[in-house]
Every structure is written in C-alpha cells, then in structure tokens.
C-alpha cells in the first residue's frame, strides 16, 4: 500500500491492511495520522487476476493499538474511499466475498454450495 499524500511526501514504513471492504479499509500504521488527511492509495488484490487498485481515501479515525504483542507504537487507522473506479470497488467486493466463502468452508467441512436446479 502506498500512502503518498499527494504532495510527494511518502512515509518509510508501509501500512498493513487488516480489513478491507468496498467502502474503505482499516490499516495498521506506525504513525498517528490526523483525521481528515487525504491519501492516494495503491495496493494489490491477490485474487485470480491480481491487479493494482488505486483510490483516493480519507482518514476517518486513528487510534493507538495496545502494545501487548509488539514493543513499538502502532495505530489502527480507518479510511474511506473518496474516489475509486467502480471496477476496482467490484474487484474488492468479489475478493472479500471469496475470502469469506473460504473461511466458511474451512470452518465447516460439511458446507456445500447451493446448486440451482
């Protein structure tokens, strides 16, 4: 994920996406980012046809994470998409649905897809 602020400034440590949807994402960041900040984001979706998604996103919250598992401070940062190509949004939604189906199937070995008659 690239977090260029649009003014050429870029941060050294890359955020880690921990949750994604068609409306926005949550990332773990090493820096506290001010609510209202706007970023040009780029990330890859690892689906059957990987491609780069680019979007303009706004930070809607940034909260420190408990430092139970790590020694450095990190933040849970929520962003909503301000501008996104609808094909990219569709790709994100398809990716999320595919991952959810995989989770369901791995939790319940008796899960079967519905077959239309």
C-alpha atoms as a PDB file:
ATOM      1  CA  UNK A   1       0.000   0.000   0.000  1.00  0.00           C
ATOM      2  CA  UNK A   2       1.375   3.347  -0.956  1.00  0.00           C
ATOM      3  CA  UNK A   3       0.475   6.305   1.159  1.00  0.00           C
ATOM      4  CA  UNK A   4       1.649   9.285  -0.832  1.00  0.00           C
ATOM      5  CA  UNK A   5      -0.076  12.398   0.499  1.00  0.00           C
ATOM      6  CA  UNK A   6      -0.321  13.828  -2.986  1.00  0.00           C
ATOM      7  CA  UNK A   7       2.445  16.336  -2.292  1.00  0.00           C
ATOM      8  CA  UNK A   8       5.368  13.987  -2.963  1.00  0.00           C
ATOM      9  CA  UNK A   9       5.771  13.163   0.734  1.00  0.00           C
ATOM     10  CA  UNK A  10       5.943   9.440   1.447  1.00  0.00           C
ATOM     11  CA  UNK A  11       6.332   7.509   4.688  1.00  0.00           C
ATOM     12  CA  UNK A  12       9.141   4.975   5.193  1.00  0.00           C
ATOM     13  CA  UNK A  13       7.106   2.199   6.818  1.00  0.00           C
ATOM     14  CA  UNK A  14       4.286   0.783   4.728  1.00  0.00           C
ATOM     15  CA  UNK A  15       0.890   0.341   6.393  1.00  0.00           C
ATOM     16  CA  UNK A  16      -0.539  -3.178   6.680  1.00  0.00           C
ATOM     17  CA  UNK A  17      -4.137  -3.624   5.514  1.00  0.00           C
ATOM     18  CA  UNK A  18      -6.007  -5.607   8.181  1.00  0.00           C
ATOM     19  CA  UNK A  19      -9.576  -5.193   6.922  1.00  0.00           C
ATOM     20  CA  UNK A  20     -10.974  -4.151   3.574  1.00  0.00           C
ATOM     21  CA  UNK A  21     -14.405  -3.543   2.074  1.00  0.00           C
ATOM     22  CA  UNK A  22     -15.999  -1.840  -0.885  1.00  0.00           C
ATOM     23  CA  UNK A  23     -16.312   1.359   1.141  1.00  0.00           C
ATOM     24  CA  UNK A  24     -12.932   1.639   2.793  1.00  0.00           C
ATOM     25  CA  UNK A  25     -10.215  -0.120   4.727  1.00  0.00           C
ATOM     26  CA  UNK A  26      -8.518  -0.380   8.086  1.00  0.00           C
ATOM     27  CA  UNK A  27      -4.743  -0.430   8.226  1.00  0.00           C
ATOM     28  CA  UNK A  28      -2.124  -0.809  10.923  1.00  0.00           C
ATOM     29  CA  UNK A  29       0.223   2.164  10.700  1.00  0.00           C
ATOM     30  CA  UNK A  30       3.368   3.076  12.614  1.00  0.00           C
ATOM     31  CA  UNK A  31       2.481   6.755  12.603  1.00  0.00           C
ATOM     32  CA  UNK A  32      -0.525   8.541  14.006  1.00  0.00           C
ATOM     33  CA  UNK A  33      -2.341  10.101  11.069  1.00  0.00           C
ATOM     34  CA  UNK A  34      -4.611  13.089  11.545  1.00  0.00           C
ATOM     35  CA  UNK A  35      -8.315  12.500  10.938  1.00  0.00           C
ATOM     36  CA  UNK A  36      -9.300  14.215   7.706  1.00  0.00           C
ATOM     37  CA  UNK A  37      -5.956  13.542   5.997  1.00  0.00           C
ATOM     38  CA  UNK A  38      -6.370  12.503   2.368  1.00  0.00           C
ATOM     39  CA  UNK A  39      -4.095   9.975   0.649  1.00  0.00           C
ATOM     40  CA  UNK A  40      -3.578   8.483  -2.772  1.00  0.00           C
ATOM     41  CA  UNK A  41      -3.557   4.740  -2.035  1.00  0.00           C
ATOM     42  CA  UNK A  42      -2.373   1.874  -4.208  1.00  0.00           C
ATOM     43  CA  UNK A  43      -2.497  -1.814  -3.257  1.00  0.00           C
ATOM     44  CA  UNK A  44      -2.651  -5.203  -4.923  1.00  0.00           C
ATOM     45  CA  UNK A  45      -5.587  -7.590  -4.618  1.00  0.00           C
ATOM     46  CA  UNK A  46      -4.346 -11.203  -4.591  1.00  0.00           C
ATOM     47  CA  UNK A  47      -7.304 -12.670  -6.481  1.00  0.00           C
ATOM     48  CA  UNK A  48      -7.255 -14.872  -9.591  1.00  0.00           C
ATOM     49  CA  UNK A  49      -6.238 -11.935 -11.762  1.00  0.00           C
ATOM     50  CA  UNK A  50      -4.066  -9.768  -9.481  1.00  0.00           C
ATOM     51  CA  UNK A  51      -4.091  -6.091 -10.249  1.00  0.00           C
ATOM     52  CA  UNK A  52      -3.311  -2.821  -8.568  1.00  0.00           C
ATOM     53  CA  UNK A  53      -6.167  -0.832  -7.057  1.00  0.00           C
ATOM     54  CA  UNK A  54      -5.736   2.919  -6.837  1.00  0.00           C
ATOM     55  CA  UNK A  55      -8.003   5.190  -4.845  1.00  0.00           C
ATOM     56  CA  UNK A  56      -8.185   8.473  -3.008  1.00  0.00           C
ATOM     57  CA  UNK A  57      -9.018   7.891   0.665  1.00  0.00           C
ATOM     58  CA  UNK A  58      -9.713   9.974   3.767  1.00  0.00           C
ATOM     59  CA  UNK A  59      -8.698   9.024   7.316  1.00  0.00           C
ATOM     60  CA  UNK A  60     -11.824   8.779   9.469  1.00  0.00           C
ATOM     61  CA  UNK A  61     -10.157   7.530  12.668  1.00  0.00           C
ATOM     62  CA  UNK A  62      -6.710   6.744  14.022  1.00  0.00           C
ATOM     63  CA  UNK A  63      -6.387   5.030  17.399  1.00  0.00           C
ATOM     64  CA  UNK A  64      -3.328   3.630  19.187  1.00  0.00           C
ATOM     65  CA  UNK A  65      -3.216  -0.160  19.374  1.00  0.00           C
ATOM     66  CA  UNK A  66      -2.402  -1.883  22.676  1.00  0.00           C
ATOM     67  CA  UNK A  67       1.272  -2.827  22.727  1.00  0.00           C
ATOM     68  CA  UNK A  68       0.685  -6.371  24.024  1.00  0.00           C
ATOM     69  CA  UNK A  69       2.336  -8.184  21.104  1.00  0.00           C
ATOM     70  CA  UNK A  70       4.772  -5.548  19.932  1.00  0.00           C
ATOM     71  CA  UNK A  71       7.103  -3.073  21.544  1.00  0.00           C
ATOM     72  CA  UNK A  72       6.706  -0.156  19.139  1.00  0.00           C
ATOM     73  CA  UNK A  73       3.614   2.003  18.996  1.00  0.00           C
ATOM     74  CA  UNK A  74       1.233   1.364  16.126  1.00  0.00           C
ATOM     75  CA  UNK A  75      -2.195   2.664  15.198  1.00  0.00           C
ATOM     76  CA  UNK A  76      -5.461   1.311  13.847  1.00  0.00           C
ATOM     77  CA  UNK A  77      -6.282   3.695  11.021  1.00  0.00           C
ATOM     78  CA  UNK A  78      -9.649   3.657   9.244  1.00  0.00           C
ATOM     79  CA  UNK A  79     -10.036   5.178   5.796  1.00  0.00           C
ATOM     80  CA  UNK A  80     -12.987   5.638   3.476  1.00  0.00           C
ATOM     81  CA  UNK A  81     -12.651   5.843  -0.275  1.00  0.00           C
ATOM     82  CA  UNK A  82     -13.346   9.290  -1.679  1.00  0.00           C
ATOM     83  CA  UNK A  83     -12.687   8.383  -5.310  1.00  0.00           C
ATOM     84  CA  UNK A  84     -12.496   4.834  -6.631  1.00  0.00           C
ATOM     85  CA  UNK A  85     -13.082   3.272 -10.013  1.00  0.00           C
ATOM     86  CA  UNK A  86     -16.247   1.172  -9.744  1.00  0.00           C
ATOM     87  CA  UNK A  87     -14.478  -1.792 -11.377  1.00  0.00           C
ATOM     88  CA  UNK A  88     -11.906  -1.626  -8.592  1.00  0.00           C
ATOM     89  CA  UNK A  89     -14.679  -1.466  -5.988  1.00  0.00           C
ATOM     90  CA  UNK A  90     -16.290  -4.534  -7.598  1.00  0.00           C
ATOM     91  CA  UNK A  91     -12.920  -6.350  -7.512  1.00  0.00           C
ATOM     92  CA  UNK A  92     -12.554  -5.580  -3.806  1.00  0.00           C
ATOM     93  CA  UNK A  93     -16.079  -6.821  -3.057  1.00  0.00           C
ATOM     94  CA  UNK A  94     -15.501 -10.030  -5.061  1.00  0.00           C
ATOM     95  CA  UNK A  95     -12.216 -10.599  -3.223  1.00  0.00           C
ATOM     96  CA  UNK A  96     -13.862 -10.112   0.206  1.00  0.00           C
ATOM     97  CA  UNK A  97     -16.737 -12.470  -0.693  1.00  0.00           C
ATOM     98  CA  UNK A  98     -14.305 -15.102  -1.959  1.00  0.00           C
ATOM     99  CA  UNK A  99     -12.266 -14.921   1.260  1.00  0.00           C
ATOM    100  CA  UNK A 100     -15.408 -15.205   3.405  1.00  0.00           C
ATOM    101  CA  UNK A 101     -16.524 -18.308   1.491  1.00  0.00           C
ATOM    102  CA  UNK A 102     -13.071 -19.854   2.041  1.00  0.00           C
ATOM    103  CA  UNK A 103     -13.357 -19.179   5.789  1.00  0.00           C
ATOM    104  CA  UNK A 104     -16.829 -20.685   5.978  1.00  0.00           C
ATOM    105  CA  UNK A 105     -15.724 -23.782   4.111  1.00  0.00           C
ATOM    106  CA  UNK A 106     -12.643 -24.244   6.265  1.00  0.00           C
ATOM    107  CA  UNK A 107     -14.719 -23.938   9.461  1.00  0.00           C
ATOM    108  CA  UNK A 108     -17.455 -26.257   8.313  1.00  0.00           C
ATOM    109  CA  UNK A 109     -16.311 -29.217   6.239  1.00  0.00           C
ATOM    110  CA  UNK A 110     -19.966 -30.092   5.583  1.00  0.00           C
ATOM    111  CA  UNK A 111     -20.619 -26.769   3.857  1.00  0.00           C
ATOM    112  CA  UNK A 112     -21.837 -27.272   0.293  1.00  0.00           C
ATOM    113  CA  UNK A 113     -22.522 -24.648  -2.318  1.00  0.00           C
ATOM    114  CA  UNK A 114     -26.145 -24.367  -3.387  1.00  0.00           C
ATOM    115  CA  UNK A 115     -26.774 -25.837  -6.797  1.00  0.00           C
ATOM    116  CA  UNK A 116     -29.548 -24.320  -8.859  1.00  0.00           C
ATOM    117  CA  UNK A 117     -31.997 -26.763 -10.384  1.00  0.00           C
END
